[in-house]
Amino acid sequence: MKNDDLEELDVRDEEKISQREEWTATFKAMSTTAVVLGATLLILSVLHPNLILRNNTPTGGDMGAHVWGPAYLRDVLLPHWRLTGWSMDWYSGLPAYRFYMVVPALAIVVLDLVMPYGIAFKLIVVAGLVAFPVCVYIMARVAKLLYPLPELMVIGA
């Protein structure tokens, strides 16, 4: 065999390796997308998307009590330029937004400007659940976990 023949074989081997690496990268990207999108759609389907945009009072668990908070923020606290306060609505009073985060309630109040309160409330509640698979994947990537561990974490979560 001549040197030219060996060089030609090396070039063909490099092309095969390059094609294999390209196929592997494509497979990883497609499988990652399928896992994250599939988990997100599964969570969304369990949450009854047909009911999310219906204008009614969100209930279930202690949700019936939590609809009070953003409305109290909108009607009582924000007009006085406050994010926390004292409410006499339950028992002998309670500190409003001392122990619960005010940011989701503010997001509900902002959405309430353009849509009914019940829909705004449900969209904010559902947003965290629907975003969970993406957040798990990002967390695994930030932790520098290698393929397929981020995808497996999404499936596990």
N, C-alpha and C. Protein backbone atom coordinates (compact mmCIF):
# COMPACT_ATOMS: atom_id res chain seq x y z
N MET A 1 0.84 -1.19 0.00
CA MET A 1 0.00 0.00 0.00
C MET A 1 0.88 1.24 0.00
N LYS A 2 0.46 2.20 -0.79
CA LYS A 2 1.22 3.43 -0.87
C LYS A 2 0.78 4.39 0.22
N ASN A 3 1.56 5.44 0.39
CA ASN A 3 1.21 6.50 1.34
C ASN A 3 -0.08 7.20 0.97
N ASP A 4 -0.31 7.38 -0.34
CA ASP A 4 -1.53 8.05 -0.81
C ASP A 4 -2.77 7.24 -0.41
N ASP A 5 -2.68 5.93 -0.52
CA ASP A 5 -3.80 5.07 -0.13
C ASP A 5 -4.09 5.18 1.36
N LEU A 6 -3.04 5.24 2.18
CA LEU A 6 -3.22 5.38 3.63
C LEU A 6 -3.85 6.72 3.98
N GLU A 7 -3.41 7.77 3.30
CA GLU A 7 -3.98 9.10 3.56
C GLU A 7 -5.46 9.12 3.19
N GLU A 8 -5.80 8.44 2.08
CA GLU A 8 -7.20 8.39 1.66
C GLU A 8 -8.05 7.64 2.68
N LEU A 9 -7.52 6.55 3.24
CA LEU A 9 -8.23 5.81 4.28
C LEU A 9 -8.40 6.66 5.53
N ASP A 10 -7.37 7.41 5.91
CA ASP A 10 -7.46 8.28 7.08
C ASP A 10 -8.55 9.33 6.89
N VAL A 11 -8.64 9.90 5.69
CA VAL A 11 -9.66 10.92 5.40
C VAL A 11 -11.04 10.31 5.51
N ARG A 12 -11.22 9.09 4.96
CA ARG A 12 -12.53 8.43 5.06
C ARG A 12 -12.89 8.12 6.50
N ASP A 13 -11.93 7.67 7.29
CA ASP A 13 -12.19 7.39 8.71
C ASP A 13 -12.58 8.66 9.45
N GLU A 14 -11.89 9.75 9.16
CA GLU A 14 -12.22 11.03 9.80
C GLU A 14 -13.62 11.48 9.42
N GLU A 15 -14.01 11.26 8.16
CA GLU A 15 -15.36 11.63 7.72
C GLU A 15 -16.40 10.79 8.46
N LYS A 16 -16.13 9.49 8.63
CA LYS A 16 -17.06 8.62 9.36
C LYS A 16 -17.18 9.06 10.81
N ILE A 17 -16.05 9.38 11.42
CA ILE A 17 -16.07 9.85 12.81
C ILE A 17 -16.84 11.15 12.91
N SER A 18 -16.61 12.05 11.97
CA SER A 18 -17.31 13.33 11.97
C SER A 18 -18.82 13.13 11.81
N GLN A 19 -19.21 12.23 10.90
CA GLN A 19 -20.63 11.95 10.70
C GLN A 19 -21.24 11.33 11.95
N ARG A 20 -20.51 10.42 12.60
CA ARG A 20 -21.00 9.78 13.82
C ARG A 20 -21.16 10.83 14.93
N GLU A 21 -20.20 11.72 15.08
CA GLU A 21 -20.30 12.77 16.10
C GLU A 21 -21.48 13.70 15.82
N GLU A 22 -21.69 14.01 14.54
CA GLU A 22 -22.82 14.86 14.16
C GLU A 22 -24.14 14.16 14.47
N TRP A 23 -24.24 12.88 14.13
CA TRP A 23 -25.45 12.12 14.41
C TRP A 23 -25.69 12.03 15.91
N THR A 24 -24.63 11.80 16.68
CA THR A 24 -24.76 11.71 18.14
C THR A 24 -25.25 13.03 18.72
N ALA A 25 -24.69 14.14 18.25
CA ALA A 25 -25.12 15.45 18.74
C ALA A 25 -26.58 15.71 18.39
N THR A 26 -26.98 15.33 17.18
CA THR A 26 -28.38 15.50 16.77
C THR A 26 -29.30 14.64 17.62
N PHE A 27 -28.90 13.39 17.86
CA PHE A 27 -29.71 12.50 18.69
C PHE A 27 -29.86 13.05 20.10
N LYS A 28 -28.76 13.53 20.68
CA LYS A 28 -28.82 14.09 22.03
C LYS A 28 -29.76 15.29 22.09
N ALA A 29 -29.65 16.17 21.10
CA ALA A 29 -30.51 17.36 21.08
C ALA A 29 -31.98 16.97 20.93
N MET A 30 -32.26 16.02 20.04
CA MET A 30 -33.65 15.60 19.82
C MET A 30 -34.20 14.86 21.04
N SER A 31 -33.40 14.00 21.65
CA SER A 31 -33.91 13.26 22.82
C SER A 31 -34.10 14.20 24.00
N THR A 32 -33.22 15.17 24.16
CA THR A 32 -33.39 16.15 25.24
C THR A 32 -34.67 16.94 25.04
N THR A 33 -34.89 17.41 23.82
CA THR A 33 -36.10 18.17 23.51
C THR A 33 -37.34 17.32 23.76
N ALA A 34 -37.30 16.07 23.32
CA ALA A 34 -38.45 15.18 23.50
C ALA A 34 -38.75 14.93 24.97
N VAL A 35 -37.72 14.72 25.78
CA VAL A 35 -37.93 14.44 27.20
C VAL A 35 -38.49 15.66 27.92
N VAL A 36 -37.87 16.83 27.71
CA VAL A 36 -38.31 18.04 28.41
C VAL A 36 -39.70 18.45 27.93
N LEU A 37 -39.92 18.44 26.63
CA LEU A 37 -41.24 18.80 26.09
C LEU A 37 -42.30 17.78 26.51
N GLY A 38 -41.95 16.50 26.46
CA GLY A 38 -42.90 15.47 26.87
C GLY A 38 -43.31 15.60 28.33
N ALA A 39 -42.33 15.84 29.21
CA ALA A 39 -42.65 16.01 30.63
C ALA A 39 -43.51 17.24 30.86
N THR A 40 -43.19 18.32 30.15
CA THR A 40 -43.97 19.55 30.28
C THR A 40 -45.41 19.34 29.82
N LEU A 41 -45.58 18.68 28.67
CA LEU A 41 -46.93 18.43 28.16
C LEU A 41 -47.70 17.46 29.05
N LEU A 42 -47.01 16.49 29.63
CA LEU A 42 -47.67 15.56 30.55
C LEU A 42 -48.21 16.31 31.77
N ILE A 43 -47.39 17.16 32.34
CA ILE A 43 -47.84 17.95 33.50
C ILE A 43 -49.01 18.83 33.11
N LEU A 44 -48.91 19.49 31.96
CA LEU A 44 -50.00 20.36 31.51
C LEU A 44 -51.29 19.57 31.31
N SER A 45 -51.19 18.38 30.75
CA SER A 45 -52.40 17.58 30.50
C SER A 45 -53.08 17.16 31.80
N VAL A 46 -52.29 16.90 32.84
CA VAL A 46 -52.85 16.51 34.13
C VAL A 46 -53.57 17.68 34.79
N LEU A 47 -53.17 18.90 34.45
CA LEU A 47 -53.75 20.10 35.07
C LEU A 47 -55.05 20.56 34.41
N HIS A 48 -55.60 19.78 33.51
CA HIS A 48 -56.86 20.10 32.83
C HIS A 48 -56.81 21.48 32.19
N PRO A 49 -56.07 21.62 31.08
CA PRO A 49 -55.93 22.93 30.45
C PRO A 49 -57.26 23.55 30.01
N ASN A 50 -58.27 22.72 29.78
CA ASN A 50 -59.58 23.26 29.40
C ASN A 50 -60.23 24.04 30.54
N LEU A 51 -59.81 23.78 31.78
CA LEU A 51 -60.38 24.50 32.92
C LEU A 51 -59.57 25.72 33.33
N ILE A 52 -58.32 25.80 32.90
CA ILE A 52 -57.45 26.90 33.32
C ILE A 52 -57.98 28.24 32.83
N LEU A 53 -58.47 28.29 31.62
CA LEU A 53 -58.93 29.56 31.05
C LEU A 53 -60.42 29.81 31.29
N ARG A 54 -61.03 29.01 32.13
CA ARG A 54 -62.43 29.22 32.49
C ARG A 54 -62.51 30.21 33.64
N ASN A 55 -63.41 31.17 33.56
CA ASN A 55 -63.52 32.21 34.58
C ASN A 55 -64.34 31.70 35.76
N ASN A 56 -63.65 31.11 36.73
CA ASN A 56 -64.30 30.64 37.95
C ASN A 56 -63.31 30.76 39.10
N THR A 57 -63.76 30.44 40.29
CA THR A 57 -62.89 30.53 41.46
C THR A 57 -62.04 29.28 41.56
N PRO A 58 -60.72 29.42 41.60
CA PRO A 58 -59.85 28.25 41.75
C PRO A 58 -60.07 27.60 43.12
N THR A 59 -60.25 26.29 43.13
CA THR A 59 -60.44 25.57 44.39
C THR A 59 -59.59 24.30 44.38
N GLY A 60 -59.59 23.61 45.47
CA GLY A 60 -58.83 22.37 45.58
C GLY A 60 -57.76 22.54 46.63
N GLY A 61 -57.71 21.63 47.57
CA GLY A 61 -56.74 21.77 48.66
C GLY A 61 -57.03 23.04 49.44
N ASP A 62 -56.01 23.82 49.69
CA ASP A 62 -56.25 25.09 50.39
C ASP A 62 -56.28 26.27 49.43
N MET A 63 -56.49 25.97 48.15
CA MET A 63 -56.54 27.02 47.12
C MET A 63 -57.66 28.02 47.39
N GLY A 64 -58.76 27.56 47.93
CA GLY A 64 -59.87 28.46 48.22
C GLY A 64 -59.49 29.57 49.18
N ALA A 65 -58.56 29.30 50.09
CA ALA A 65 -58.09 30.33 51.01
C ALA A 65 -57.05 31.23 50.36
N HIS A 66 -56.28 30.68 49.43
CA HIS A 66 -55.21 31.46 48.82
C HIS A 66 -55.70 32.48 47.80
N VAL A 67 -56.93 32.36 47.33
CA VAL A 67 -57.43 33.39 46.42
C VAL A 67 -57.64 34.71 47.15
N TRP A 68 -57.73 34.65 48.47
CA TRP A 68 -57.90 35.87 49.27
C TRP A 68 -56.69 36.80 49.17
N GLY A 69 -55.48 36.24 49.22
CA GLY A 69 -54.25 37.02 49.33
C GLY A 69 -54.03 38.05 48.23
N PRO A 70 -54.00 37.65 46.97
CA PRO A 70 -53.77 38.64 45.92
C PRO A 70 -54.89 39.69 45.84
N ALA A 71 -56.12 39.28 46.13
CA ALA A 71 -57.21 40.26 46.14
C ALA A 71 -57.01 41.27 47.27
N TYR A 72 -56.57 40.82 48.43
CA TYR A 72 -56.29 41.73 49.55
C TYR A 72 -55.13 42.66 49.19
N LEU A 73 -54.14 42.12 48.54
CA LEU A 73 -53.01 42.94 48.09
C LEU A 73 -53.49 44.02 47.12
N ARG A 74 -54.33 43.62 46.17
CA ARG A 74 -54.85 44.55 45.17
C ARG A 74 -55.76 45.60 45.77
N ASP A 75 -56.67 45.18 46.66
CA ASP A 75 -57.71 46.08 47.15
C ASP A 75 -57.30 46.91 48.36
N VAL A 76 -56.41 46.40 49.21
CA VAL A 76 -56.09 47.08 50.47
C VAL A 76 -54.65 47.56 50.53
N LEU A 77 -53.71 46.69 50.24
CA LEU A 77 -52.31 47.04 50.46
C LEU A 77 -51.73 47.96 49.38
N LEU A 78 -51.87 47.58 48.12
CA LEU A 78 -51.28 48.39 47.05
C LEU A 78 -51.82 49.81 46.97
N PRO A 79 -53.12 50.06 47.20
CA PRO A 79 -53.58 51.46 47.18
C PRO A 79 -52.89 52.33 48.24
N HIS A 80 -52.35 51.70 49.29
CA HIS A 80 -51.62 52.44 50.32
C HIS A 80 -50.10 52.29 50.14
N TRP A 81 -49.68 51.86 48.96
CA TRP A 81 -48.27 51.70 48.62
C TRP A 81 -47.54 50.76 49.59
N ARG A 82 -48.21 49.67 49.96
CA ARG A 82 -47.62 48.70 50.88
C ARG A 82 -47.63 47.31 50.24
N LEU A 83 -46.67 46.50 50.63
CA LEU A 83 -46.62 45.11 50.19
C LEU A 83 -46.94 44.14 51.32
N THR A 84 -46.94 44.62 52.55
CA THR A 84 -47.31 43.81 53.70
C THR A 84 -48.25 44.62 54.58
N GLY A 85 -48.96 43.94 55.44
CA GLY A 85 -49.87 44.64 56.35
C GLY A 85 -50.53 43.67 57.31
N TRP A 86 -51.52 44.19 58.04
CA TRP A 86 -52.25 43.39 59.01
C TRP A 86 -53.70 43.31 58.58
N SER A 87 -54.24 42.10 58.56
CA SER A 87 -55.63 41.91 58.17
C SER A 87 -56.41 41.30 59.33
N MET A 88 -57.62 41.78 59.52
CA MET A 88 -58.50 41.22 60.55
C MET A 88 -59.48 40.21 59.95
N ASP A 89 -59.21 39.72 58.74
CA ASP A 89 -60.13 38.82 58.06
C ASP A 89 -60.25 37.44 58.72
N TRP A 90 -59.23 36.94 59.40
CA TRP A 90 -59.29 35.65 60.06
C TRP A 90 -58.90 35.78 61.52
N TYR A 91 -59.58 35.03 62.35
CA TYR A 91 -59.27 34.94 63.78
C TYR A 91 -59.14 36.34 64.40
N SER A 92 -58.04 36.62 65.08
CA SER A 92 -57.83 37.95 65.67
C SER A 92 -56.89 38.77 64.80
N GLY A 93 -56.80 38.41 63.56
CA GLY A 93 -55.94 39.11 62.62
C GLY A 93 -54.75 38.26 62.20
N LEU A 94 -54.14 38.64 61.11
CA LEU A 94 -52.98 37.92 60.61
C LEU A 94 -52.07 38.87 59.85
N PRO A 95 -50.78 38.59 59.83
CA PRO A 95 -49.87 39.43 59.05
C PRO A 95 -49.94 39.03 57.58
N ALA A 96 -50.41 39.92 56.74
CA ALA A 96 -50.53 39.63 55.31
C ALA A 96 -49.16 39.77 54.65
N TYR A 97 -48.75 38.74 53.98
CA TYR A 97 -47.48 38.68 53.25
C TYR A 97 -46.26 38.83 54.13
N ARG A 98 -46.34 38.35 55.33
CA ARG A 98 -45.17 38.27 56.19
C ARG A 98 -44.49 36.91 55.97
N PHE A 99 -45.29 35.86 55.74
CA PHE A 99 -44.74 34.52 55.61
C PHE A 99 -44.88 33.94 54.20
N TYR A 100 -45.69 34.55 53.35
CA TYR A 100 -45.84 34.10 51.97
C TYR A 100 -45.16 35.08 51.04
N MET A 101 -44.65 34.57 49.91
CA MET A 101 -43.98 35.44 48.95
C MET A 101 -45.01 36.36 48.29
N VAL A 102 -44.61 37.59 48.10
CA VAL A 102 -45.51 38.57 47.51
C VAL A 102 -45.38 38.60 45.98
N VAL A 103 -44.28 38.10 45.44
CA VAL A 103 -44.04 38.20 43.99
C VAL A 103 -45.11 37.47 43.17
N PRO A 104 -45.49 36.22 43.48
CA PRO A 104 -46.56 35.60 42.70
C PRO A 104 -47.88 36.38 42.81
N ALA A 105 -48.16 36.92 43.98
CA ALA A 105 -49.39 37.70 44.14
C ALA A 105 -49.34 38.96 43.29
N LEU A 106 -48.18 39.59 43.21
CA LEU A 106 -48.03 40.77 42.34
C LEU A 106 -48.24 40.39 40.88
N ALA A 107 -47.74 39.23 40.48
CA ALA A 107 -47.95 38.77 39.10
C ALA A 107 -49.43 38.54 38.83
N ILE A 108 -50.15 38.01 39.80
CA ILE A 108 -51.60 37.82 39.65
C ILE A 108 -52.29 39.17 39.51
N VAL A 109 -51.90 40.13 40.33
CA VAL A 109 -52.51 41.46 40.28
C VAL A 109 -52.24 42.11 38.92
N VAL A 110 -51.03 41.96 38.39
CA VAL A 110 -50.71 42.53 37.07
C VAL A 110 -51.56 41.87 35.99
N LEU A 111 -51.65 40.54 36.00
CA LEU A 111 -52.49 39.86 35.01
C LEU A 111 -53.96 40.21 35.18
N ASP A 112 -54.36 40.48 36.41
CA ASP A 112 -55.75 40.84 36.70
C ASP A 112 -56.14 42.15 36.00
N LEU A 113 -55.17 42.93 35.60
CA LEU A 113 -55.46 44.18 34.88
C LEU A 113 -56.01 43.91 33.48
N VAL A 114 -55.66 42.75 32.90
CA VAL A 114 -56.05 42.47 31.52
C VAL A 114 -56.95 41.24 31.37
N MET A 115 -57.20 40.52 32.47
CA MET A 115 -58.06 39.33 32.39
C MET A 115 -58.75 39.13 33.73
N PRO A 116 -59.77 38.29 33.76
CA PRO A 116 -60.47 38.04 35.03
C PRO A 116 -59.53 37.47 36.10
N TYR A 117 -59.85 37.78 37.35
CA TYR A 117 -59.02 37.40 38.49
C TYR A 117 -58.79 35.90 38.59
N GLY A 118 -59.85 35.11 38.42
CA GLY A 118 -59.72 33.65 38.54
C GLY A 118 -58.77 33.07 37.51
N ILE A 119 -58.83 33.57 36.28
CA ILE A 119 -57.94 33.09 35.23
C ILE A 119 -56.50 33.51 35.52
N ALA A 120 -56.32 34.76 35.94
CA ALA A 120 -54.97 35.24 36.27
C ALA A 120 -54.37 34.40 37.39
N PHE A 121 -55.16 34.11 38.40
CA PHE A 121 -54.69 33.30 39.54
C PHE A 121 -54.26 31.92 39.06
N LYS A 122 -55.10 31.27 38.26
CA LYS A 122 -54.79 29.92 37.80
C LYS A 122 -53.56 29.90 36.90
N LEU A 123 -53.39 30.91 36.05
CA LEU A 123 -52.22 30.94 35.17
C LEU A 123 -50.92 31.04 35.96
N ILE A 124 -50.92 31.84 37.01
CA ILE A 124 -49.70 31.97 37.82
C ILE A 124 -49.44 30.68 38.60
N VAL A 125 -50.48 30.07 39.14
CA VAL A 125 -50.30 28.80 39.87
C VAL A 125 -49.76 27.72 38.94
N VAL A 126 -50.32 27.63 37.75
CA VAL A 126 -49.94 26.59 36.80
C VAL A 126 -48.55 26.86 36.19
N ALA A 127 -48.17 28.12 36.09
CA ALA A 127 -46.89 28.47 35.45
C ALA A 127 -45.71 27.78 36.14
N GLY A 128 -45.71 27.76 37.44
CA GLY A 128 -44.61 27.10 38.15
C GLY A 128 -44.56 25.61 37.91
N LEU A 129 -45.71 24.98 37.85
CA LEU A 129 -45.76 23.53 37.62
C LEU A 129 -45.33 23.17 36.20
N VAL A 130 -45.79 23.97 35.24
CA VAL A 130 -45.45 23.69 33.84
C VAL A 130 -43.97 23.97 33.58
N ALA A 131 -43.41 24.95 34.25
CA ALA A 131 -41.99 25.29 34.06
C ALA A 131 -41.05 24.34 34.78
N PHE A 132 -41.58 23.49 35.64
CA PHE A 132 -40.74 22.62 36.47
C PHE A 132 -39.77 21.74 35.68
N PRO A 133 -40.21 21.03 34.62
CA PRO A 133 -39.25 20.19 33.88
C PRO A 133 -38.10 21.00 33.28
N VAL A 134 -38.40 22.17 32.75
CA VAL A 134 -37.35 23.02 32.18
C VAL A 134 -36.39 23.46 33.28
N CYS A 135 -36.92 23.83 34.42
CA CYS A 135 -36.08 24.27 35.55
C CYS A 135 -35.18 23.14 36.05
N VAL A 136 -35.71 21.92 36.10
CA VAL A 136 -34.91 20.77 36.53
C VAL A 136 -33.77 20.54 35.54
N TYR A 137 -34.07 20.62 34.25
CA TYR A 137 -33.04 20.43 33.23
C TYR A 137 -31.96 21.50 33.34
N ILE A 138 -32.37 22.75 33.50
CA ILE A 138 -31.39 23.85 33.62
C ILE A 138 -30.54 23.66 34.87
N MET A 139 -31.16 23.26 35.98
CA MET A 139 -30.41 23.04 37.21
C MET A 139 -29.37 21.93 37.01
N ALA A 140 -29.74 20.87 36.33
CA ALA A 140 -28.81 19.77 36.09
C ALA A 140 -27.66 20.22 35.18
N ARG A 141 -27.96 21.06 34.21
CA ARG A 141 -26.91 21.57 33.33
C ARG A 141 -25.98 22.52 34.07
N VAL A 142 -26.55 23.36 34.92
CA VAL A 142 -25.72 24.28 35.72
C VAL A 142 -24.81 23.48 36.65
N ALA A 143 -25.30 22.35 37.13
CA ALA A 143 -24.50 21.46 37.97
C ALA A 143 -23.47 20.68 37.16
N LYS A 144 -23.44 20.93 35.85
CA LYS A 144 -22.48 20.30 34.93
C LYS A 144 -22.63 18.78 34.84
N LEU A 145 -23.85 18.31 34.99
CA LEU A 145 -24.10 16.88 34.80
C LEU A 145 -24.09 16.58 33.30
N LEU A 146 -23.53 15.44 32.94
CA LEU A 146 -23.41 15.08 31.54
C LEU A 146 -24.61 14.28 31.07
N TYR A 147 -24.81 14.27 29.73
CA TYR A 147 -25.88 13.49 29.11
C TYR A 147 -25.71 12.04 29.52
N PRO A 148 -26.73 11.35 29.88
CA PRO A 148 -28.16 11.63 29.92
C PRO A 148 -28.68 12.01 31.31
N LEU A 149 -27.82 12.38 32.23
CA LEU A 149 -28.29 12.66 33.60
C LEU A 149 -29.30 13.80 33.69
N PRO A 150 -29.12 14.94 32.99
CA PRO A 150 -30.16 15.97 33.07
C PRO A 150 -31.52 15.46 32.58
N GLU A 151 -31.50 14.68 31.52
CA GLU A 151 -32.75 14.15 30.98
C GLU A 151 -33.39 13.16 31.97
N LEU A 152 -32.57 12.34 32.59
CA LEU A 152 -33.09 11.39 33.58
C LEU A 152 -33.64 12.12 34.80
N MET A 153 -33.02 13.23 35.17
CA MET A 153 -33.55 14.02 36.28
C MET A 153 -34.92 14.59 35.93
N VAL A 154 -35.10 15.03 34.69
CA VAL A 154 -36.41 15.54 34.25
C VAL A 154 -37.45 14.42 34.34
N ILE A 155 -37.10 13.24 33.89
CA ILE A 155 -38.04 12.12 33.96
C ILE A 155 -38.35 11.78 35.42
N GLY A 156 -37.34 11.79 36.26
CA GLY A 156 -37.54 11.48 37.67
C GLY A 156 -38.35 12.53 38.41
N ALA A 157 -38.20 13.76 37.99
CA ALA A 157 -38.91 14.85 38.68
C ALA A 157 -40.35 14.87 38.26
